[in-house]
Amino acid sequence: MTQQLQFPEPVHGTVSVEAAEAAKADGIARATANTAPDWATACRNAIELMARRGTPFQAADLIAEGLVDEPDHTARWGAAFNAAARAGLIEEAGFVKSKRATVHGSICKQWQGRAAA
């Protein structure tokens, strides 16, 4: 059996929070810039509808309810949910197994509407 080396906390200099946040912001900006406007609008409308319901939801729920189609690239989801969260429409509601069959039950964020929604 192989054992993995465990460190109680990151080794100084190996993790840059600033670099990680910059990379995240860059990725979201690129995903947003390359998203078809009609899909972005449909997704935003779907997120707003789900937010008003007040129950936790994830991207798969938008598809299951026929509110929006799959985007041309999965990165579009993150950009859409990030924009809705920054606008104050939704907030994180934990992590759950994804309902999307294409991701084989991997973990994803769950969201819920904020009072402003």
PDB file of N, CA and C in Angstrom:
ATOM      1  N   MET A   1       0.839  -1.172   0.000  1.00  0.00           N
ATOM      2  CA  MET A   1       0.000   0.000   0.000  1.00  0.00           C
ATOM      3  C   MET A   1       0.892   1.246   0.000  1.00  0.00           C
ATOM      4  N   THR A   2       0.553   2.210  -0.835  1.00  0.00           N
ATOM      5  CA  THR A   2       1.300   3.461  -0.919  1.00  0.00           C
ATOM      6  C   THR A   2       0.672   4.472   0.027  1.00  0.00           C
ATOM      7  N   GLN A   3       1.511   5.148   0.768  1.00  0.00           N
ATOM      8  CA  GLN A   3       0.993   6.176   1.674  1.00  0.00           C
ATOM      9  C   GLN A   3       1.353   7.548   1.131  1.00  0.00           C
ATOM     10  N   GLN A   4       0.426   8.441   1.264  1.00  0.00           N
ATOM     11  CA  GLN A   4       0.625   9.795   0.788  1.00  0.00           C
ATOM     12  C   GLN A   4       1.245  10.636   1.902  1.00  0.00           C
ATOM     13  N   LEU A   5       2.220  11.443   1.555  1.00  0.00           N
ATOM     14  CA  LEU A   5       2.852  12.344   2.504  1.00  0.00           C
ATOM     15  C   LEU A   5       1.853  13.439   2.872  1.00  0.00           C
ATOM     16  N   GLN A   6       1.617  13.641   4.140  1.00  0.00           N
ATOM     17  CA  GLN A   6       0.652  14.637   4.610  1.00  0.00           C
ATOM     18  C   GLN A   6       1.367  15.754   5.363  1.00  0.00           C
ATOM     19  N   PHE A   7       1.013  16.980   5.044  1.00  0.00           N
ATOM     20  CA  PHE A   7       1.519  18.143   5.755  1.00  0.00           C
ATOM     21  C   PHE A   7       0.348  18.748   6.530  1.00  0.00           C
ATOM     22  N   PRO A   8       0.540  19.145   7.772  1.00  0.00           N
ATOM     23  CA  PRO A   8      -0.562  19.706   8.548  1.00  0.00           C
ATOM     24  C   PRO A   8      -1.076  21.033   7.993  1.00  0.00           C
ATOM     25  N   GLU A   9      -0.241  21.753   7.267  1.00  0.00           N
ATOM     26  CA  GLU A   9      -0.634  22.988   6.611  1.00  0.00           C
ATOM     27  C   GLU A   9       0.281  23.190   5.408  1.00  0.00           C
ATOM     28  N   PRO A  10      -0.137  24.033   4.460  1.00  0.00           N
ATOM     29  CA  PRO A  10       0.700  24.216   3.269  1.00  0.00           C
ATOM     30  C   PRO A  10       2.115  24.666   3.623  1.00  0.00           C
ATOM     31  N   VAL A  11       3.060  24.166   2.885  1.00  0.00           N
ATOM     32  CA  VAL A  11       4.447  24.579   3.060  1.00  0.00           C
ATOM     33  C   VAL A  11       4.573  26.001   2.536  1.00  0.00           C
ATOM     34  N   HIS A  12       5.151  26.892   3.347  1.00  0.00           N
ATOM     35  CA  HIS A  12       5.268  28.295   2.970  1.00  0.00           C
ATOM     36  C   HIS A  12       5.901  28.425   1.582  1.00  0.00           C
ATOM     37  N   GLY A  13       5.259  29.209   0.732  1.00  0.00           N
ATOM     38  CA  GLY A  13       5.780  29.459  -0.602  1.00  0.00           C
ATOM     39  C   GLY A  13       5.253  28.518  -1.675  1.00  0.00           C
ATOM     40  N   THR A  14       4.498  27.470  -1.282  1.00  0.00           N
ATOM     41  CA  THR A  14       4.006  26.527  -2.281  1.00  0.00           C
ATOM     42  C   THR A  14       2.604  26.868  -2.765  1.00  0.00           C
ATOM     43  N   VAL A  15       1.867  27.643  -1.982  1.00  0.00           N
ATOM     44  CA  VAL A  15       0.506  28.005  -2.345  1.00  0.00           C
ATOM     45  C   VAL A  15       0.396  29.525  -2.345  1.00  0.00           C
ATOM     46  N   SER A  16      -0.021  30.075  -3.466  1.00  0.00           N
ATOM     47  CA  SER A  16      -0.212  31.515  -3.560  1.00  0.00           C
ATOM     48  C   SER A  16      -1.700  31.790  -3.740  1.00  0.00           C
ATOM     49  N   VAL A  17      -2.330  32.266  -2.681  1.00  0.00           N
ATOM     50  CA  VAL A  17      -3.753  32.590  -2.740  1.00  0.00           C
ATOM     51  C   VAL A  17      -4.005  33.665  -3.788  1.00  0.00           C
ATOM     52  N   GLU A  18      -3.115  34.635  -3.853  1.00  0.00           N
ATOM     53  CA  GLU A  18      -3.276  35.723  -4.823  1.00  0.00           C
ATOM     54  C   GLU A  18      -3.220  35.197  -6.262  1.00  0.00           C
ATOM     55  N   ALA A  19      -2.276  34.296  -6.528  1.00  0.00           N
ATOM     56  CA  ALA A  19      -2.164  33.730  -7.877  1.00  0.00           C
ATOM     57  C   ALA A  19      -3.387  32.889  -8.210  1.00  0.00           C
ATOM     58  N   ALA A  20      -3.888  32.151  -7.239  1.00  0.00           N
ATOM     59  CA  ALA A  20      -5.078  31.327  -7.463  1.00  0.00           C
ATOM     60  C   ALA A  20      -6.291  32.196  -7.770  1.00  0.00           C
ATOM     61  N   GLU A  21      -6.474  33.262  -7.007  1.00  0.00           N
ATOM     62  CA  GLU A  21      -7.604  34.167  -7.248  1.00  0.00           C
ATOM     63  C   GLU A  21      -7.474  34.867  -8.596  1.00  0.00           C
ATOM     64  N   ALA A  22      -6.264  35.247  -8.972  1.00  0.00           N
ATOM     65  CA  ALA A  22      -6.041  35.888 -10.269  1.00  0.00           C
ATOM     66  C   ALA A  22      -6.358  34.925 -11.407  1.00  0.00           C
ATOM     67  N   ALA A  23      -5.948  33.668 -11.266  1.00  0.00           N
ATOM     68  CA  ALA A  23      -6.232  32.656 -12.293  1.00  0.00           C
ATOM     69  C   ALA A  23      -7.732  32.403 -12.393  1.00  0.00           C
ATOM     70  N   LYS A  24      -8.410  32.365 -11.251  1.00  0.00           N
ATOM     71  CA  LYS A  24      -9.865  32.168 -11.239  1.00  0.00           C
ATOM     72  C   LYS A  24     -10.553  33.325 -11.955  1.00  0.00           C
ATOM     73  N   ALA A  25     -10.175  34.549 -11.619  1.00  0.00           N
ATOM     74  CA  ALA A  25     -10.776  35.726 -12.236  1.00  0.00           C
ATOM     75  C   ALA A  25     -10.536  35.737 -13.746  1.00  0.00           C
ATOM     76  N   ASP A  26      -9.334  35.351 -14.161  1.00  0.00           N
ATOM     77  CA  ASP A  26      -9.010  35.297 -15.588  1.00  0.00           C
ATOM     78  C   ASP A  26      -9.864  34.252 -16.295  1.00  0.00           C
ATOM     79  N   GLY A  27     -10.000  33.089 -15.695  1.00  0.00           N
ATOM     80  CA  GLY A  27     -10.812  32.025 -16.295  1.00  0.00           C
ATOM     81  C   GLY A  27     -12.273  32.418 -16.413  1.00  0.00           C
ATOM     82  N   ILE A  28     -12.807  33.039 -15.367  1.00  0.00           N
ATOM     83  CA  ILE A  28     -14.200  33.484 -15.403  1.00  0.00           C
ATOM     84  C   ILE A  28     -14.388  34.557 -16.476  1.00  0.00           C
ATOM     85  N   ALA A  29     -13.441  35.478 -16.573  1.00  0.00           N
ATOM     86  CA  ALA A  29     -13.530  36.537 -17.589  1.00  0.00           C
ATOM     87  C   ALA A  29     -13.507  35.948 -18.999  1.00  0.00           C
ATOM     88  N   ARG A  30     -12.624  34.971 -19.228  1.00  0.00           N
ATOM     89  CA  ARG A  30     -12.560  34.339 -20.557  1.00  0.00           C
ATOM     90  C   ARG A  30     -13.838  33.567 -20.849  1.00  0.00           C
ATOM     91  N   ALA A  31     -14.366  32.851 -19.853  1.00  0.00           N
ATOM     92  CA  ALA A  31     -15.609  32.093 -20.060  1.00  0.00           C
ATOM     93  C   ALA A  31     -16.764  33.040 -20.373  1.00  0.00           C
ATOM     94  N   THR A  32     -16.836  34.140 -19.649  1.00  0.00           N
ATOM     95  CA  THR A  32     -17.901  35.125 -19.878  1.00  0.00           C
ATOM     96  C   THR A  32     -17.787  35.734 -21.270  1.00  0.00           C
ATOM     97  N   ALA A  33     -16.582  36.110 -21.652  1.00  0.00           N
ATOM     98  CA  ALA A  33     -16.369  36.743 -22.952  1.00  0.00           C
ATOM     99  C   ALA A  33     -16.702  35.811 -24.118  1.00  0.00           C
ATOM    100  N   ASN A  34     -16.582  34.511 -23.907  1.00  0.00           N
ATOM    101  CA  ASN A  34     -16.812  33.551 -24.980  1.00  0.00           C
ATOM    102  C   ASN A  34     -18.162  32.846 -24.891  1.00  0.00           C
ATOM    103  N   THR A  35     -19.053  33.350 -24.054  1.00  0.00           N
ATOM    104  CA  THR A  35     -20.381  32.753 -23.911  1.00  0.00           C
ATOM    105  C   THR A  35     -21.341  33.407 -24.892  1.00  0.00           C
ATOM    106  N   ALA A  36     -22.110  32.585 -25.582  1.00  0.00           N
ATOM    107  CA  ALA A  36     -23.111  33.109 -26.515  1.00  0.00           C
ATOM    108  C   ALA A  36     -24.128  33.945 -25.738  1.00  0.00           C
ATOM    109  N   PRO A  37     -24.422  35.148 -26.206  1.00  0.00           N
ATOM    110  CA  PRO A  37     -25.343  36.027 -25.476  1.00  0.00           C
ATOM    111  C   PRO A  37     -26.716  35.409 -25.218  1.00  0.00           C
ATOM    112  N   ASP A  38     -27.248  34.649 -26.195  1.00  0.00           N
ATOM    113  CA  ASP A  38     -28.572  34.059 -25.983  1.00  0.00           C
ATOM    114  C   ASP A  38     -28.546  33.006 -24.877  1.00  0.00           C
ATOM    115  N   TRP A  39     -27.471  32.213 -24.797  1.00  0.00           N
ATOM    116  CA  TRP A  39     -27.373  31.229 -23.717  1.00  0.00           C
ATOM    117  C   TRP A  39     -27.197  31.950 -22.384  1.00  0.00           C
ATOM    118  N   ALA A  40     -26.372  32.990 -22.331  1.00  0.00           N
ATOM    119  CA  ALA A  40     -26.140  33.736 -21.099  1.00  0.00           C
ATOM    120  C   ALA A  40     -27.444  34.325 -20.562  1.00  0.00           C
ATOM    121  N   THR A  41     -28.265  34.866 -21.451  1.00  0.00           N
ATOM    122  CA  THR A  41     -29.552  35.443 -21.038  1.00  0.00           C
ATOM    123  C   THR A  41     -30.490  34.359 -20.526  1.00  0.00           C
ATOM    124  N   ALA A  42     -30.578  33.242 -21.244  1.00  0.00           N
ATOM    125  CA  ALA A  42     -31.445  32.145 -20.810  1.00  0.00           C
ATOM    126  C   ALA A  42     -30.991  31.595 -19.463  1.00  0.00           C
ATOM    127  N   CYS A  43     -29.693  31.469 -19.285  1.00  0.00           N
ATOM    128  CA  CYS A  43     -29.159  30.952 -18.026  1.00  0.00           C
ATOM    129  C   CYS A  43     -29.434  31.922 -16.884  1.00  0.00           C
ATOM    130  N   ARG A  44     -29.220  33.198 -17.107  1.00  0.00           N
ATOM    131  CA  ARG A  44     -29.485  34.207 -16.073  1.00  0.00           C
ATOM    132  C   ARG A  44     -30.954  34.182 -15.668  1.00  0.00           C
ATOM    133  N   ASN A  45     -31.851  34.085 -16.650  1.00  0.00           N
ATOM    134  CA  ASN A  45     -33.287  34.016 -16.355  1.00  0.00           C
ATOM    135  C   ASN A  45     -33.620  32.758 -15.550  1.00  0.00           C
ATOM    136  N   ALA A  46     -32.990  31.651 -15.895  1.00  0.00           N
ATOM    137  CA  ALA A  46     -33.225  30.396 -15.181  1.00  0.00           C
ATOM    138  C   ALA A  46     -32.731  30.479 -13.737  1.00  0.00           C
ATOM    139  N   ILE A  47     -31.565  31.054 -13.547  1.00  0.00           N
ATOM    140  CA  ILE A  47     -31.024  31.220 -12.197  1.00  0.00           C
ATOM    141  C   ILE A  47     -31.933  32.122 -11.374  1.00  0.00           C
ATOM    142  N   GLU A  48     -32.412  33.200 -11.969  1.00  0.00           N
ATOM    143  CA  GLU A  48     -33.310  34.112 -11.254  1.00  0.00           C
ATOM    144  C   GLU A  48     -34.592  33.403 -10.838  1.00  0.00           C
ATOM    145  N   LEU A  49     -35.158  32.583 -11.733  1.00  0.00           N
ATOM    146  CA  LEU A  49     -36.375  31.834 -11.411  1.00  0.00           C
ATOM    147  C   LEU A  49     -36.125  30.862 -10.258  1.00  0.00           C
ATOM    148  N   MET A  50     -35.048  30.116 -10.345  1.00  0.00           N
ATOM    149  CA  MET A  50     -34.738  29.147  -9.293  1.00  0.00           C
ATOM    150  C   MET A  50     -34.451  29.875  -7.974  1.00  0.00           C
ATOM    151  N   ALA A  51     -33.799  31.014  -8.030  1.00  0.00           N
ATOM    152  CA  ALA A  51     -33.485  31.780  -6.820  1.00  0.00           C
ATOM    153  C   ALA A  51     -34.754  32.231  -6.109  1.00  0.00           C
ATOM    154  N   ARG A  52     -35.758  32.641  -6.877  1.00  0.00           N
ATOM    155  CA  ARG A  52     -37.023  33.101  -6.282  1.00  0.00           C
ATOM    156  C   ARG A  52     -37.755  31.974  -5.552  1.00  0.00           C
ATOM    157  N   ARG A  53     -37.505  30.739  -5.931  1.00  0.00           N
ATOM    158  CA  ARG A  53     -38.168  29.604  -5.280  1.00  0.00           C
ATOM    159  C   ARG A  53     -37.688  29.387  -3.849  1.00  0.00           C
ATOM    160  N   GLY A  54     -36.478  29.816  -3.567  1.00  0.00           N
ATOM    161  CA  GLY A  54     -35.972  29.711  -2.208  1.00  0.00           C
ATOM    162  C   GLY A  54     -35.475  28.341  -1.787  1.00  0.00           C
ATOM    163  N   THR A  55     -35.363  27.416  -2.730  1.00  0.00           N
ATOM    164  CA  THR A  55     -34.852  26.082  -2.405  1.00  0.00           C
ATOM    165  C   THR A  55     -33.476  25.909  -3.046  1.00  0.00           C
ATOM    166  N   PRO A  56     -32.618  25.088  -2.440  1.00  0.00           N
ATOM    167  CA  PRO A  56     -31.293  24.867  -3.024  1.00  0.00           C
ATOM    168  C   PRO A  56     -31.386  24.252  -4.422  1.00  0.00           C
ATOM    169  N   PHE A  57     -30.455  24.645  -5.290  1.00  0.00           N
ATOM    170  CA  PHE A  57     -30.432  24.118  -6.656  1.00  0.00           C
ATOM    171  C   PHE A  57     -29.012  24.111  -7.181  1.00  0.00           C
ATOM    172  N   GLN A  58     -28.833  23.385  -8.276  1.00  0.00           N
ATOM    173  CA  GLN A  58     -27.543  23.312  -8.969  1.00  0.00           C
ATOM    174  C   GLN A  58     -27.801  23.395 -10.466  1.00  0.00           C
ATOM    175  N   ALA A  59     -26.751  23.474 -11.247  1.00  0.00           N
ATOM    176  CA  ALA A  59     -26.885  23.634 -12.697  1.00  0.00           C
ATOM    177  C   ALA A  59     -27.769  22.557 -13.319  1.00  0.00           C
ATOM    178  N   ALA A  60     -27.648  21.329 -12.855  1.00  0.00           N
ATOM    179  CA  ALA A  60     -28.439  20.230 -13.424  1.00  0.00           C
ATOM    180  C   ALA A  60     -29.936  20.478 -13.290  1.00  0.00           C
ATOM    181  N   ASP A  61     -30.340  21.187 -12.249  1.00  0.00           N
ATOM    182  CA  ASP A  61     -31.763  21.468 -12.064  1.00  0.00           C
ATOM    183  C   ASP A  61     -32.293  22.402 -13.144  1.00  0.00           C
ATOM    184  N   LEU A  62     -31.454  23.315 -13.613  1.00  0.00           N
ATOM    185  CA  LEU A  62     -31.872  24.226 -14.677  1.00  0.00           C
ATOM    186  C   LEU A  62     -32.159  23.454 -15.964  1.00  0.00           C
ATOM    187  N   ILE A  63     -31.335  22.456 -16.228  1.00  0.00           N
ATOM    188  CA  ILE A  63     -31.511  21.628 -17.422  1.00  0.00           C
ATOM    189  C   ILE A  63     -32.713  20.713 -17.251  1.00  0.00           C
ATOM    190  N   ALA A  64     -32.806  20.061 -16.085  1.00  0.00           N
ATOM    191  CA  ALA A  64     -33.892  19.112 -15.835  1.00  0.00           C
ATOM    192  C   ALA A  64     -35.261  19.768 -15.978  1.00  0.00           C
ATOM    193  N   GLU A  65     -35.346  21.031 -15.620  1.00  0.00           N
ATOM    194  CA  GLU A  65     -36.623  21.738 -15.721  1.00  0.00           C
ATOM    195  C   GLU A  65     -36.835  22.374 -17.091  1.00  0.00           C
ATOM    196  N   GLY A  66     -35.897  22.175 -17.991  1.00  0.00           N
ATOM    197  CA  GLY A  66     -36.037  22.712 -19.342  1.00  0.00           C
ATOM    198  C   GLY A  66     -35.877  24.219 -19.420  1.00  0.00           C
ATOM    199  N   LEU A  67     -35.198  24.791 -18.435  1.00  0.00           N
ATOM    200  CA  LEU A  67     -35.029  26.244 -18.402  1.00  0.00           C
ATOM    201  C   LEU A  67     -33.884  26.726 -19.276  1.00  0.00           C
ATOM    202  N   VAL A  68     -32.905  25.854 -19.493  1.00  0.00           N
ATOM    203  CA  VAL A  68     -31.739  26.200 -20.298  1.00  0.00           C
ATOM    204  C   VAL A  68     -31.107  24.911 -20.812  1.00  0.00           C
ATOM    205  N   ASP A  69     -30.452  24.994 -21.959  1.00  0.00           N
ATOM    206  CA  ASP A  69     -29.739  23.837 -22.513  1.00  0.00           C
ATOM    207  C   ASP A  69     -28.320  23.802 -21.971  1.00  0.00           C
ATOM    208  N   GLU A  70     -27.646  22.677 -22.196  1.00  0.00           N
ATOM    209  CA  GLU A  70     -26.228  22.581 -21.843  1.00  0.00           C
ATOM    210  C   GLU A  70     -25.468  23.652 -22.623  1.00  0.00           C
ATOM    211  N   PRO A  71     -24.508  24.295 -21.997  1.00  0.00           N
ATOM    212  CA  PRO A  71     -23.694  25.264 -22.740  1.00  0.00           C
ATOM    213  C   PRO A  71     -22.704  24.543 -23.653  1.00  0.00           C
ATOM    214  N   ASP A  72     -22.066  25.292 -24.522  1.00  0.00           N
ATOM    215  CA  ASP A  72     -21.087  24.690 -25.422  1.00  0.00           C
ATOM    216  C   ASP A  72     -19.829  24.246 -24.680  1.00  0.00           C
ATOM    217  N   HIS A  73     -19.611  24.779 -23.485  1.00  0.00           N
ATOM    218  CA  HIS A  73     -18.464  24.383 -22.659  1.00  0.00           C
ATOM    219  C   HIS A  73     -18.884  24.490 -21.201  1.00  0.00           C
ATOM    220  N   THR A  74     -18.460  23.532 -20.379  1.00  0.00           N
ATOM    221  CA  THR A  74     -18.869  23.517 -18.978  1.00  0.00           C
ATOM    222  C   THR A  74     -18.384  24.726 -18.188  1.00  0.00           C
ATOM    223  N   ALA A  75     -17.358  25.416 -18.658  1.00  0.00           N
ATOM    224  CA  ALA A  75     -16.862  26.605 -17.959  1.00  0.00           C
ATOM    225  C   ALA A  75     -17.916  27.711 -17.911  1.00  0.00           C
ATOM    226  N   ARG A  76     -18.873  27.654 -18.815  1.00  0.00           N
ATOM    227  CA  ARG A  76     -19.914  28.687 -18.854  1.00  0.00           C
ATOM    228  C   ARG A  76     -20.752  28.678 -17.575  1.00  0.00           C
ATOM    229  N   TRP A  77     -20.944  27.488 -16.984  1.00  0.00           N
ATOM    230  CA  TRP A  77     -21.735  27.402 -15.748  1.00  0.00           C
ATOM    231  C   TRP A  77     -21.110  28.234 -14.640  1.00  0.00           C
ATOM    232  N   GLY A  78     -19.824  28.044 -14.427  1.00  0.00           N
ATOM    233  CA  GLY A  78     -19.149  28.768 -13.350  1.00  0.00           C
ATOM    234  C   GLY A  78     -19.253  30.263 -13.519  1.00  0.00           C
ATOM    235  N   ALA A  79     -19.062  30.731 -14.747  1.00  0.00           N
ATOM    236  CA  ALA A  79     -19.151  32.167 -15.010  1.00  0.00           C
ATOM    237  C   ALA A  79     -20.560  32.679 -14.735  1.00  0.00           C
ATOM    238  N   ALA A  80     -21.575  31.921 -15.128  1.00  0.00           N
ATOM    239  CA  ALA A  80     -22.966  32.350 -14.934  1.00  0.00           C
ATOM    240  C   ALA A  80     -23.336  32.397 -13.453  1.00  0.00           C
ATOM    241  N   PHE A  81     -22.985  31.343 -12.719  1.00  0.00           N
ATOM    242  CA  PHE A  81     -23.313  31.321 -11.296  1.00  0.00           C
ATOM    243  C   PHE A  81     -22.492  32.352 -10.524  1.00  0.00           C
ATOM    244  N   ASN A  82     -21.245  32.551 -10.916  1.00  0.00           N
ATOM    245  CA  ASN A  82     -20.411  33.548 -10.261  1.00  0.00           C
ATOM    246  C   ASN A  82     -21.001  34.943 -10.449  1.00  0.00           C
ATOM    247  N   ALA A  83     -21.450  35.250 -11.650  1.00  0.00           N
ATOM    248  CA  ALA A  83     -22.047  36.564 -11.926  1.00  0.00           C
ATOM    249  C   ALA A  83     -23.323  36.762 -11.110  1.00  0.00           C
ATOM    250  N   ALA A  84     -24.133  35.724 -11.012  1.00  0.00           N
ATOM    251  CA  ALA A  84     -25.374  35.829 -10.235  1.00  0.00           C
ATOM    252  C   ALA A  84     -25.078  36.012  -8.745  1.00  0.00           C
ATOM    253  N   ALA A  85     -24.047  35.345  -8.257  1.00  0.00           N
ATOM    254  CA  ALA A  85     -23.666  35.489  -6.846  1.00  0.00           C
ATOM    255  C   ALA A  85     -23.131  36.900  -6.581  1.00  0.00           C
ATOM    256  N   ARG A  86     -22.285  37.401  -7.479  1.00  0.00           N
ATOM    257  CA  ARG A  86     -21.746  38.762  -7.313  1.00  0.00           C
ATOM    258  C   ARG A  86     -22.851  39.807  -7.372  1.00  0.00           C
ATOM    259  N   ALA A  87     -23.912  39.528  -8.137  1.00  0.00           N
ATOM    260  CA  ALA A  87     -25.043  40.460  -8.248  1.00  0.00           C
ATOM    261  C   ALA A  87     -25.979  40.368  -7.046  1.00  0.00           C
ATOM    262  N   GLY A  88     -25.713  39.431  -6.147  1.00  0.00           N
ATOM    263  CA  GLY A  88     -26.534  39.294  -4.948  1.00  0.00           C
ATOM    264  C   GLY A  88     -27.792  38.474  -5.123  1.00  0.00           C
ATOM    265  N   LEU A  89     -27.929  37.774  -6.253  1.00  0.00           N
ATOM    266  CA  LEU A  89     -29.126  36.960  -6.486  1.00  0.00           C
ATOM    267  C   LEU A  89     -29.095  35.635  -5.746  1.00  0.00           C
ATOM    268  N   ILE A  90     -27.911  35.034  -5.672  1.00  0.00           N
ATOM    269  CA  ILE A  90     -27.774  33.720  -5.059  1.00  0.00           C
ATOM    270  C   ILE A  90     -26.582  33.705  -4.112  1.00  0.00           C
ATOM    271  N   GLU A  91     -26.554  32.664  -3.277  1.00  0.00           N
ATOM    272  CA  GLU A  91     -25.421  32.445  -2.397  1.00  0.00           C
ATOM    273  C   GLU A  91     -25.161  30.950  -2.313  1.00  0.00           C
ATOM    274  N   GLU A  92     -23.940  30.594  -1.961  1.00  0.00           N
ATOM    275  CA  GLU A  92     -23.590  29.188  -1.823  1.00  0.00           C
ATOM    276  C   GLU A  92     -24.437  28.550  -0.729  1.00  0.00           C
ATOM    277  N   ALA A  93     -24.830  27.300  -0.980  1.00  0.00           N
ATOM    278  CA  ALA A  93     -25.625  26.549  -0.004  1.00  0.00           C
ATOM    279  C   ALA A  93     -25.003  25.173   0.191  1.00  0.00           C
ATOM    280  N   GLY A  94     -23.683  25.119   0.195  1.00  0.00           N
ATOM    281  CA  GLY A  94     -22.990  23.856   0.436  1.00  0.00           C
ATOM    282  C   GLY A  94     -22.566  23.163  -0.845  1.00  0.00           C
ATOM    283  N   PHE A  95     -22.049  21.963  -0.647  1.00  0.00           N
ATOM    284  CA  PHE A  95     -21.576  21.136  -1.756  1.00  0.00           C
ATOM    285  C   PHE A  95     -22.330  19.812  -1.730  1.00  0.00           C
ATOM    286  N   VAL A  96     -22.734  19.343  -2.891  1.00  0.00           N
ATOM    287  CA  VAL A  96     -23.488  18.098  -3.025  1.00  0.00           C
ATOM    288  C   VAL A  96     -22.988  17.341  -4.250  1.00  0.00           C
ATOM    289  N   LYS A  97     -23.409  16.097  -4.385  1.00  0.00           N
ATOM    290  CA  LYS A  97     -23.105  15.354  -5.613  1.00  0.00           C
ATOM    291  C   LYS A  97     -23.882  15.967  -6.758  1.00  0.00           C
ATOM    292  N   SER A  98     -23.215  16.113  -7.876  1.00  0.00           N
ATOM    293  CA  SER A  98     -23.876  16.650  -9.050  1.00  0.00           C
ATOM    294  C   SER A  98     -24.923  15.665  -9.559  1.00  0.00           C
ATOM    295  N   LYS A  99     -26.028  16.208 -10.038  1.00  0.00           N
ATOM    296  CA  LYS A  99     -27.096  15.392 -10.632  1.00  0.00           C
ATOM    297  C   LYS A  99     -26.846  15.145 -12.117  1.00  0.00           C
ATOM    298  N   ARG A 100     -25.835  15.807 -12.680  1.00  0.00           N
ATOM    299  CA  ARG A 100     -25.548  15.677 -14.113  1.00  0.00           C
ATOM    300  C   ARG A 100     -24.893  14.322 -14.380  1.00  0.00           C
ATOM    301  N   ALA A 101     -25.465  13.565 -15.271  1.00  0.00           N
ATOM    302  CA  ALA A 101     -24.944  12.241 -15.596  1.00  0.00           C
ATOM    303  C   ALA A 101     -23.548  12.306 -16.209  1.00  0.00           C
ATOM    304  N   THR A 102     -23.247  13.393 -16.878  1.00  0.00           N
ATOM    305  CA  THR A 102     -21.964  13.505 -17.582  1.00  0.00           C
ATOM    306  C   THR A 102     -20.771  13.664 -16.655  1.00  0.00           C
ATOM    307  N   VAL A 103     -21.008  13.960 -15.387  1.00  0.00           N
ATOM    308  CA  VAL A 103     -19.894  14.163 -14.462  1.00  0.00           C
ATOM    309  C   VAL A 103     -19.781  13.050 -13.421  1.00  0.00           C
ATOM    310  N   HIS A 104     -20.594  12.027 -13.553  1.00  0.00           N
ATOM    311  CA  HIS A 104     -20.481  10.819 -12.726  1.00  0.00           C
ATOM    312  C   HIS A 104     -20.529  11.084 -11.227  1.00  0.00           C
ATOM    313  N   GLY A 105     -21.404  11.959 -10.783  1.00  0.00           N
ATOM    314  CA  GLY A 105     -21.611  12.206  -9.365  1.00  0.00           C
ATOM    315  C   GLY A 105     -20.514  12.972  -8.664  1.00  0.00           C
ATOM    316  N   SER A 106     -19.749  13.753  -9.401  1.00  0.00           N
ATOM    317  CA  SER A 106     -18.709  14.550  -8.754  1.00  0.00           C
ATOM    318  C   SER A 106     -19.352  15.634  -7.884  1.00  0.00           C
ATOM    319  N   ILE A 107     -18.571  16.220  -7.023  1.00  0.00           N
ATOM    320  CA  ILE A 107     -19.075  17.228  -6.105  1.00  0.00           C
ATOM    321  C   ILE A 107     -19.232  18.573  -6.824  1.00  0.00           C
ATOM    322  N   CYS A 108     -20.320  19.263  -6.532  1.00  0.00           N
ATOM    323  CA  CYS A 108     -20.539  20.586  -7.113  1.00  0.00           C
ATOM    324  C   CYS A 108     -21.176  21.502  -6.077  1.00  0.00           C
ATOM    325  N   LYS A 109     -21.120  22.783  -6.340  1.00  0.00           N
ATOM    326  CA  LYS A 109     -21.756  23.753  -5.460  1.00  0.00           C
ATOM    327  C   LYS A 109     -23.263  23.687  -5.631  1.00  0.00           C
ATOM    328  N   GLN A 110     -23.915  23.912  -4.530  1.00  0.00           N
ATOM    329  CA  GLN A 110     -25.365  24.063  -4.520  1.00  0.00           C
ATOM    330  C   GLN A 110     -25.616  25.528  -4.178  1.00  0.00           C
ATOM    331  N   TRP A 111     -26.675  26.084  -4.732  1.00  0.00           N
ATOM    332  CA  TRP A 111     -26.970  27.505  -4.566  1.00  0.00           C
ATOM    333  C   TRP A 111     -28.383  27.688  -4.058  1.00  0.00           C
ATOM    334  N   GLN A 112     -28.640  28.839  -3.480  1.00  0.00           N
ATOM    335  CA  GLN A 112     -30.007  29.201  -3.125  1.00  0.00           C
ATOM    336  C   GLN A 112     -30.158  30.705  -3.297  1.00  0.00           C
ATOM    337  N   GLY A 113     -31.409  31.129  -3.484  1.00  0.00           N
ATOM    338  CA  GLY A 113     -31.652  32.538  -3.673  1.00  0.00           C
ATOM    339  C   GLY A 113     -31.427  33.333  -2.403  1.00  0.00           C
ATOM    340  N   ARG A 114     -31.019  34.556  -2.568  1.00  0.00           N
ATOM    341  CA  ARG A 114     -30.887  35.480  -1.442  1.00  0.00           C
ATOM    342  C   ARG A 114     -32.189  36.234  -1.323  1.00  0.00           C
ATOM    343  N   ALA A 115     -32.409  36.867  -0.226  1.00  0.00           N
ATOM    344  CA  ALA A 115     -33.650  37.592   0.023  1.00  0.00           C
ATOM    345  C   ALA A 115     -33.947  38.618  -1.071  1.00  0.00           C
ATOM    346  N   ALA A 116     -32.890  39.206  -1.634  1.00  0.00           N
ATOM    347  CA  ALA A 116     -33.060  40.216  -2.675  1.00  0.00           C
ATOM    348  C   ALA A 116     -33.637  39.634  -3.963  1.00  0.00           C
ATOM    349  N   ALA A 117     -33.462  38.325  -4.157  1.00  0.00           N
ATOM    350  CA  ALA A 117     -33.947  37.691  -5.392  1.00  0.00           C
ATOM    351  C   ALA A 117     -35.455  37.642  -5.387  1.00  0.00           C
TER     352      ALA A 117
END
